[in-house]
Amino acid sequence: MTVLRETILMQLQYATAIAALVLVSLHLLMQGVLFPYSTALAFQHVLAVYRSWIDGTMLELLLVVVVAHGFNGLRMILLEWKQSKGWTTWVDIGTLLAVGLAIIYGTRTVVLAVTGVVS
């Protein structure tokens, strides 16, 4: 059963790599090409981007994809470094916790910007 799970996790790694490539390209195009770079970094413009439903959704999706890809890659490195049943269990639990916390904290940032708490 572990082999099947690892195969699925590798497929997830490949899918998130492709999704990240597309989303980061779109993000850079929207922020660095369509707007002058100095304008794209202005605080009010950044807030406007977060408050746009399309842009905000894309940023949230980018957050989830990059976090999933990054922590899954870190998980694979840690499992190559050391292999035992106990280590694998701790790495899997730690990875899930880290992914969850990173997504929650990133989503908090998006929600604070969208709701107007930050202005």
N, C-alpha and C. Protein backbone atom coordinates (compact mmCIF):
# COMPACT_ATOMS: atom_id res chain seq x y z
N MET A 1 0.82 -1.21 0.00
CA MET A 1 0.00 0.00 0.00
C MET A 1 0.86 1.27 0.00
N THR A 2 2.05 1.19 0.60
CA THR A 2 2.93 2.34 0.65
C THR A 2 3.38 2.75 -0.75
N VAL A 3 3.63 1.76 -1.62
CA VAL A 3 4.07 2.06 -2.98
C VAL A 3 2.99 2.83 -3.73
N LEU A 4 1.74 2.41 -3.56
CA LEU A 4 0.64 3.12 -4.21
C LEU A 4 0.55 4.55 -3.70
N ARG A 5 0.69 4.73 -2.40
CA ARG A 5 0.63 6.07 -1.82
C ARG A 5 1.78 6.94 -2.32
N GLU A 6 2.98 6.38 -2.40
CA GLU A 6 4.13 7.15 -2.89
C GLU A 6 3.94 7.52 -4.36
N THR A 7 3.34 6.62 -5.14
CA THR A 7 3.08 6.92 -6.54
C THR A 7 2.11 8.10 -6.66
N ILE A 8 1.09 8.11 -5.85
CA ILE A 8 0.12 9.20 -5.86
C ILE A 8 0.79 10.51 -5.43
N LEU A 9 1.65 10.44 -4.41
CA LEU A 9 2.34 11.65 -3.95
C LEU A 9 3.32 12.17 -5.01
N MET A 10 3.94 11.28 -5.77
CA MET A 10 4.82 11.75 -6.87
C MET A 10 3.99 12.39 -7.98
N GLN A 11 2.83 11.82 -8.28
CA GLN A 11 1.95 12.43 -9.27
C GLN A 11 1.48 13.80 -8.79
N LEU A 12 1.20 13.93 -7.49
CA LEU A 12 0.85 15.22 -6.92
C LEU A 12 2.01 16.20 -7.08
N GLN A 13 3.23 15.73 -6.88
CA GLN A 13 4.40 16.59 -7.02
C GLN A 13 4.52 17.12 -8.46
N TYR A 14 4.32 16.23 -9.43
CA TYR A 14 4.40 16.65 -10.83
C TYR A 14 3.26 17.61 -11.18
N ALA A 15 2.06 17.31 -10.73
CA ALA A 15 0.90 18.16 -11.03
C ALA A 15 1.06 19.54 -10.41
N THR A 16 1.54 19.60 -9.16
CA THR A 16 1.72 20.90 -8.51
C THR A 16 2.87 21.67 -9.15
N ALA A 17 3.87 20.98 -9.68
CA ALA A 17 4.96 21.67 -10.38
C ALA A 17 4.44 22.35 -11.64
N ILE A 18 3.61 21.65 -12.39
CA ILE A 18 3.04 22.23 -13.61
C ILE A 18 2.09 23.37 -13.26
N ALA A 19 1.24 23.15 -12.25
CA ALA A 19 0.30 24.20 -11.83
C ALA A 19 1.05 25.42 -11.32
N ALA A 20 2.11 25.21 -10.56
CA ALA A 20 2.91 26.34 -10.04
C ALA A 20 3.57 27.10 -11.18
N LEU A 21 4.06 26.39 -12.16
CA LEU A 21 4.67 27.04 -13.32
C LEU A 21 3.67 27.96 -14.02
N VAL A 22 2.47 27.47 -14.23
CA VAL A 22 1.43 28.26 -14.89
C VAL A 22 1.01 29.44 -14.01
N LEU A 23 0.72 29.18 -12.74
CA LEU A 23 0.24 30.24 -11.85
C LEU A 23 1.30 31.31 -11.57
N VAL A 24 2.54 30.90 -11.38
CA VAL A 24 3.61 31.88 -11.15
C VAL A 24 3.83 32.71 -12.40
N SER A 25 3.76 32.09 -13.57
CA SER A 25 3.90 32.83 -14.82
C SER A 25 2.79 33.87 -14.97
N LEU A 26 1.57 33.46 -14.69
CA LEU A 26 0.45 34.41 -14.74
C LEU A 26 0.63 35.53 -13.73
N HIS A 27 1.04 35.17 -12.54
CA HIS A 27 1.23 36.17 -11.48
C HIS A 27 2.31 37.18 -11.88
N LEU A 28 3.42 36.69 -12.37
CA LEU A 28 4.49 37.60 -12.79
C LEU A 28 4.08 38.45 -13.98
N LEU A 29 3.33 37.86 -14.90
CA LEU A 29 2.84 38.62 -16.04
C LEU A 29 1.93 39.75 -15.57
N MET A 30 1.02 39.44 -14.66
CA MET A 30 0.06 40.43 -14.18
C MET A 30 0.73 41.51 -13.33
N GLN A 31 1.75 41.13 -12.56
CA GLN A 31 2.33 42.09 -11.63
C GLN A 31 3.57 42.78 -12.17
N GLY A 32 4.28 42.17 -13.09
CA GLY A 32 5.53 42.77 -13.54
C GLY A 32 5.51 43.27 -14.97
N VAL A 33 4.53 42.82 -15.76
CA VAL A 33 4.49 43.21 -17.16
C VAL A 33 3.33 44.15 -17.44
N LEU A 34 2.16 43.81 -16.97
CA LEU A 34 0.98 44.63 -17.24
C LEU A 34 1.00 45.93 -16.45
N PHE A 35 1.68 45.94 -15.31
CA PHE A 35 1.85 47.14 -14.50
C PHE A 35 3.34 47.39 -14.36
N PRO A 36 3.75 48.63 -14.31
CA PRO A 36 5.16 48.88 -14.01
C PRO A 36 5.50 48.29 -12.64
N TYR A 37 6.71 47.80 -12.50
CA TYR A 37 7.09 47.10 -11.28
C TYR A 37 6.91 47.96 -10.04
N SER A 38 7.24 49.24 -10.12
CA SER A 38 7.09 50.12 -8.95
C SER A 38 5.62 50.28 -8.57
N THR A 39 4.74 50.30 -9.57
CA THR A 39 3.30 50.38 -9.29
C THR A 39 2.79 49.08 -8.68
N ALA A 40 3.30 47.96 -9.19
CA ALA A 40 2.86 46.65 -8.69
C ALA A 40 3.21 46.46 -7.22
N LEU A 41 4.25 47.14 -6.74
CA LEU A 41 4.66 47.01 -5.34
C LEU A 41 4.03 48.04 -4.41
N ALA A 42 3.30 48.99 -4.96
CA ALA A 42 2.66 50.01 -4.12
C ALA A 42 1.61 49.34 -3.23
N PHE A 43 1.59 49.74 -1.97
CA PHE A 43 0.72 49.08 -0.98
C PHE A 43 -0.75 49.09 -1.40
N GLN A 44 -1.25 50.21 -1.87
CA GLN A 44 -2.66 50.28 -2.26
C GLN A 44 -2.96 49.38 -3.46
N HIS A 45 -2.00 49.26 -4.37
CA HIS A 45 -2.20 48.36 -5.51
C HIS A 45 -2.24 46.89 -5.05
N VAL A 46 -1.35 46.56 -4.12
CA VAL A 46 -1.33 45.19 -3.58
C VAL A 46 -2.66 44.88 -2.91
N LEU A 47 -3.18 45.82 -2.11
CA LEU A 47 -4.49 45.61 -1.49
C LEU A 47 -5.59 45.46 -2.54
N ALA A 48 -5.53 46.25 -3.58
CA ALA A 48 -6.53 46.14 -4.65
C ALA A 48 -6.47 44.77 -5.32
N VAL A 49 -5.27 44.24 -5.48
CA VAL A 49 -5.12 42.90 -6.07
C VAL A 49 -5.77 41.86 -5.16
N TYR A 50 -5.51 41.93 -3.86
CA TYR A 50 -6.10 40.98 -2.93
C TYR A 50 -7.63 41.10 -2.90
N ARG A 51 -8.13 42.30 -3.05
CA ARG A 51 -9.58 42.53 -2.95
C ARG A 51 -10.33 42.18 -4.22
N SER A 52 -9.63 41.99 -5.31
CA SER A 52 -10.25 41.53 -6.55
C SER A 52 -10.51 40.03 -6.40
N TRP A 53 -11.74 39.60 -6.69
CA TRP A 53 -12.07 38.18 -6.51
C TRP A 53 -11.23 37.28 -7.41
N ILE A 54 -11.01 37.71 -8.63
CA ILE A 54 -10.23 36.89 -9.56
C ILE A 54 -8.78 36.80 -9.09
N ASP A 55 -8.18 37.95 -8.81
CA ASP A 55 -6.78 37.96 -8.37
C ASP A 55 -6.61 37.29 -7.01
N GLY A 56 -7.52 37.57 -6.10
CA GLY A 56 -7.45 36.97 -4.77
C GLY A 56 -7.57 35.45 -4.83
N THR A 57 -8.46 34.97 -5.68
CA THR A 57 -8.62 33.52 -5.85
C THR A 57 -7.35 32.92 -6.44
N MET A 58 -6.77 33.61 -7.42
CA MET A 58 -5.54 33.11 -8.01
C MET A 58 -4.40 33.09 -6.98
N LEU A 59 -4.31 34.11 -6.15
CA LEU A 59 -3.27 34.13 -5.12
C LEU A 59 -3.47 33.01 -4.10
N GLU A 60 -4.72 32.75 -3.74
CA GLU A 60 -5.00 31.66 -2.80
C GLU A 60 -4.65 30.31 -3.42
N LEU A 61 -5.00 30.14 -4.68
CA LEU A 61 -4.67 28.90 -5.39
C LEU A 61 -3.16 28.75 -5.51
N LEU A 62 -2.48 29.84 -5.80
CA LEU A 62 -1.02 29.83 -5.89
C LEU A 62 -0.41 29.43 -4.54
N LEU A 63 -0.95 29.96 -3.46
CA LEU A 63 -0.50 29.62 -2.12
C LEU A 63 -0.61 28.12 -1.87
N VAL A 64 -1.78 27.55 -2.15
CA VAL A 64 -2.01 26.13 -1.88
C VAL A 64 -1.09 25.26 -2.74
N VAL A 65 -0.97 25.61 -4.01
CA VAL A 65 -0.14 24.80 -4.92
C VAL A 65 1.33 24.85 -4.51
N VAL A 66 1.84 26.04 -4.24
CA VAL A 66 3.27 26.18 -3.90
C VAL A 66 3.57 25.53 -2.55
N VAL A 67 2.70 25.69 -1.59
CA VAL A 67 2.91 25.07 -0.28
C VAL A 67 2.88 23.54 -0.41
N ALA A 68 1.90 23.02 -1.12
CA ALA A 68 1.81 21.57 -1.30
C ALA A 68 3.04 21.04 -2.03
N HIS A 69 3.47 21.72 -3.06
CA HIS A 69 4.64 21.28 -3.83
C HIS A 69 5.92 21.34 -2.97
N GLY A 70 6.10 22.45 -2.29
CA GLY A 70 7.31 22.64 -1.49
C GLY A 70 7.43 21.65 -0.34
N PHE A 71 6.37 21.49 0.41
CA PHE A 71 6.44 20.58 1.56
C PHE A 71 6.46 19.12 1.14
N ASN A 72 5.81 18.78 0.04
CA ASN A 72 5.91 17.41 -0.47
C ASN A 72 7.34 17.12 -0.91
N GLY A 73 7.99 18.09 -1.54
CA GLY A 73 9.40 17.92 -1.91
C GLY A 73 10.29 17.77 -0.70
N LEU A 74 10.06 18.59 0.33
CA LEU A 74 10.82 18.48 1.57
C LEU A 74 10.60 17.12 2.22
N ARG A 75 9.38 16.64 2.20
CA ARG A 75 9.05 15.31 2.73
C ARG A 75 9.86 14.24 2.03
N MET A 76 9.93 14.33 0.69
CA MET A 76 10.69 13.33 -0.07
C MET A 76 12.17 13.37 0.29
N ILE A 77 12.73 14.56 0.46
CA ILE A 77 14.14 14.69 0.83
C ILE A 77 14.38 14.07 2.20
N LEU A 78 13.50 14.36 3.15
CA LEU A 78 13.66 13.81 4.50
C LEU A 78 13.54 12.28 4.51
N LEU A 79 12.66 11.74 3.67
CA LEU A 79 12.50 10.29 3.62
C LEU A 79 13.68 9.62 2.91
N GLU A 80 14.34 10.32 2.01
CA GLU A 80 15.56 9.78 1.39
C GLU A 80 16.74 9.83 2.36
N TRP A 81 16.71 10.82 3.23
CA TRP A 81 17.80 11.01 4.20
C TRP A 81 17.85 9.87 5.21
N LYS A 82 16.68 9.47 5.69
CA LYS A 82 16.60 8.41 6.70
C LYS A 82 15.34 7.61 6.43
N GLN A 83 15.44 6.30 6.58
CA GLN A 83 14.29 5.45 6.30
C GLN A 83 14.05 4.48 7.44
N SER A 84 12.93 4.69 8.10
CA SER A 84 12.43 3.75 9.10
C SER A 84 10.95 4.04 9.27
N LYS A 85 10.23 3.09 9.82
CA LYS A 85 8.79 3.26 9.95
C LYS A 85 8.44 4.45 10.86
N GLY A 86 9.15 4.56 11.98
CA GLY A 86 8.89 5.67 12.90
C GLY A 86 9.21 7.03 12.27
N TRP A 87 10.35 7.11 11.58
CA TRP A 87 10.76 8.35 10.92
C TRP A 87 9.73 8.75 9.87
N THR A 88 9.29 7.78 9.07
CA THR A 88 8.30 8.05 8.02
C THR A 88 7.01 8.58 8.62
N THR A 89 6.58 7.98 9.72
CA THR A 89 5.36 8.44 10.38
C THR A 89 5.50 9.88 10.85
N TRP A 90 6.61 10.21 11.50
CA TRP A 90 6.83 11.57 12.01
C TRP A 90 6.96 12.58 10.88
N VAL A 91 7.64 12.19 9.82
CA VAL A 91 7.80 13.10 8.68
C VAL A 91 6.43 13.35 8.04
N ASP A 92 5.62 12.30 7.88
CA ASP A 92 4.28 12.47 7.29
C ASP A 92 3.40 13.38 8.15
N ILE A 93 3.42 13.15 9.45
CA ILE A 93 2.60 13.98 10.36
C ILE A 93 3.11 15.43 10.36
N GLY A 94 4.43 15.60 10.44
CA GLY A 94 5.01 16.94 10.44
C GLY A 94 4.72 17.68 9.15
N THR A 95 4.77 16.97 8.02
CA THR A 95 4.48 17.59 6.74
C THR A 95 3.04 18.06 6.67
N LEU A 96 2.12 17.20 7.09
CA LEU A 96 0.70 17.58 7.08
C LEU A 96 0.44 18.78 7.98
N LEU A 97 1.05 18.80 9.17
CA LEU A 97 0.88 19.94 10.07
C LEU A 97 1.47 21.22 9.48
N ALA A 98 2.66 21.11 8.89
CA ALA A 98 3.30 22.29 8.30
C ALA A 98 2.48 22.83 7.13
N VAL A 99 1.97 21.94 6.28
CA VAL A 99 1.14 22.37 5.15
C VAL A 99 -0.12 23.06 5.67
N GLY A 100 -0.76 22.44 6.64
CA GLY A 100 -1.99 23.02 7.20
C GLY A 100 -1.75 24.40 7.81
N LEU A 101 -0.69 24.53 8.60
CA LEU A 101 -0.39 25.81 9.23
C LEU A 101 -0.03 26.88 8.21
N ALA A 102 0.77 26.52 7.22
CA ALA A 102 1.16 27.49 6.19
C ALA A 102 -0.05 27.97 5.39
N ILE A 103 -0.94 27.05 5.05
CA ILE A 103 -2.14 27.43 4.29
C ILE A 103 -3.07 28.28 5.15
N ILE A 104 -3.22 27.91 6.42
CA ILE A 104 -4.07 28.70 7.32
C ILE A 104 -3.52 30.11 7.48
N TYR A 105 -2.21 30.23 7.70
CA TYR A 105 -1.62 31.56 7.90
C TYR A 105 -1.67 32.39 6.61
N GLY A 106 -1.42 31.76 5.48
CA GLY A 106 -1.51 32.47 4.20
C GLY A 106 -2.93 32.91 3.89
N THR A 107 -3.88 32.04 4.18
CA THR A 107 -5.30 32.37 3.96
C THR A 107 -5.72 33.50 4.88
N ARG A 108 -5.19 33.52 6.09
CA ARG A 108 -5.47 34.60 7.04
C ARG A 108 -5.06 35.94 6.43
N THR A 109 -3.90 35.97 5.78
CA THR A 109 -3.43 37.20 5.14
C THR A 109 -4.39 37.65 4.06
N VAL A 110 -4.83 36.72 3.24
CA VAL A 110 -5.78 37.04 2.17
C VAL A 110 -7.10 37.55 2.76
N VAL A 111 -7.59 36.86 3.78
CA VAL A 111 -8.88 37.26 4.40
C VAL A 111 -8.77 38.63 5.04
N LEU A 112 -7.67 38.93 5.72
CA LEU A 112 -7.50 40.25 6.34
C LEU A 112 -7.49 41.35 5.28
N ALA A 113 -6.86 41.10 4.15
CA ALA A 113 -6.81 42.09 3.09
C ALA A 113 -8.17 42.26 2.43
N VAL A 114 -8.86 41.15 2.20
CA VAL A 114 -10.15 41.20 1.51
C VAL A 114 -11.21 41.87 2.38
N THR A 115 -11.22 41.59 3.66
CA THR A 115 -12.25 42.13 4.54
C THR A 115 -12.01 43.58 4.93
N GLY A 116 -10.84 44.11 4.60
CA GLY A 116 -10.59 45.52 4.89
C GLY A 116 -9.98 45.76 6.24
N VAL A 117 -9.58 44.71 6.96
CA VAL A 117 -8.94 44.90 8.26
C VAL A 117 -7.62 45.64 8.06
N VAL A 118 -6.93 45.32 6.97
CA VAL A 118 -5.71 46.03 6.60
C VAL A 118 -6.09 47.07 5.56
N SER A 119 -5.73 48.30 5.78
CA SER A 119 -6.07 49.34 4.79
C SER A 119 -5.02 50.42 4.74
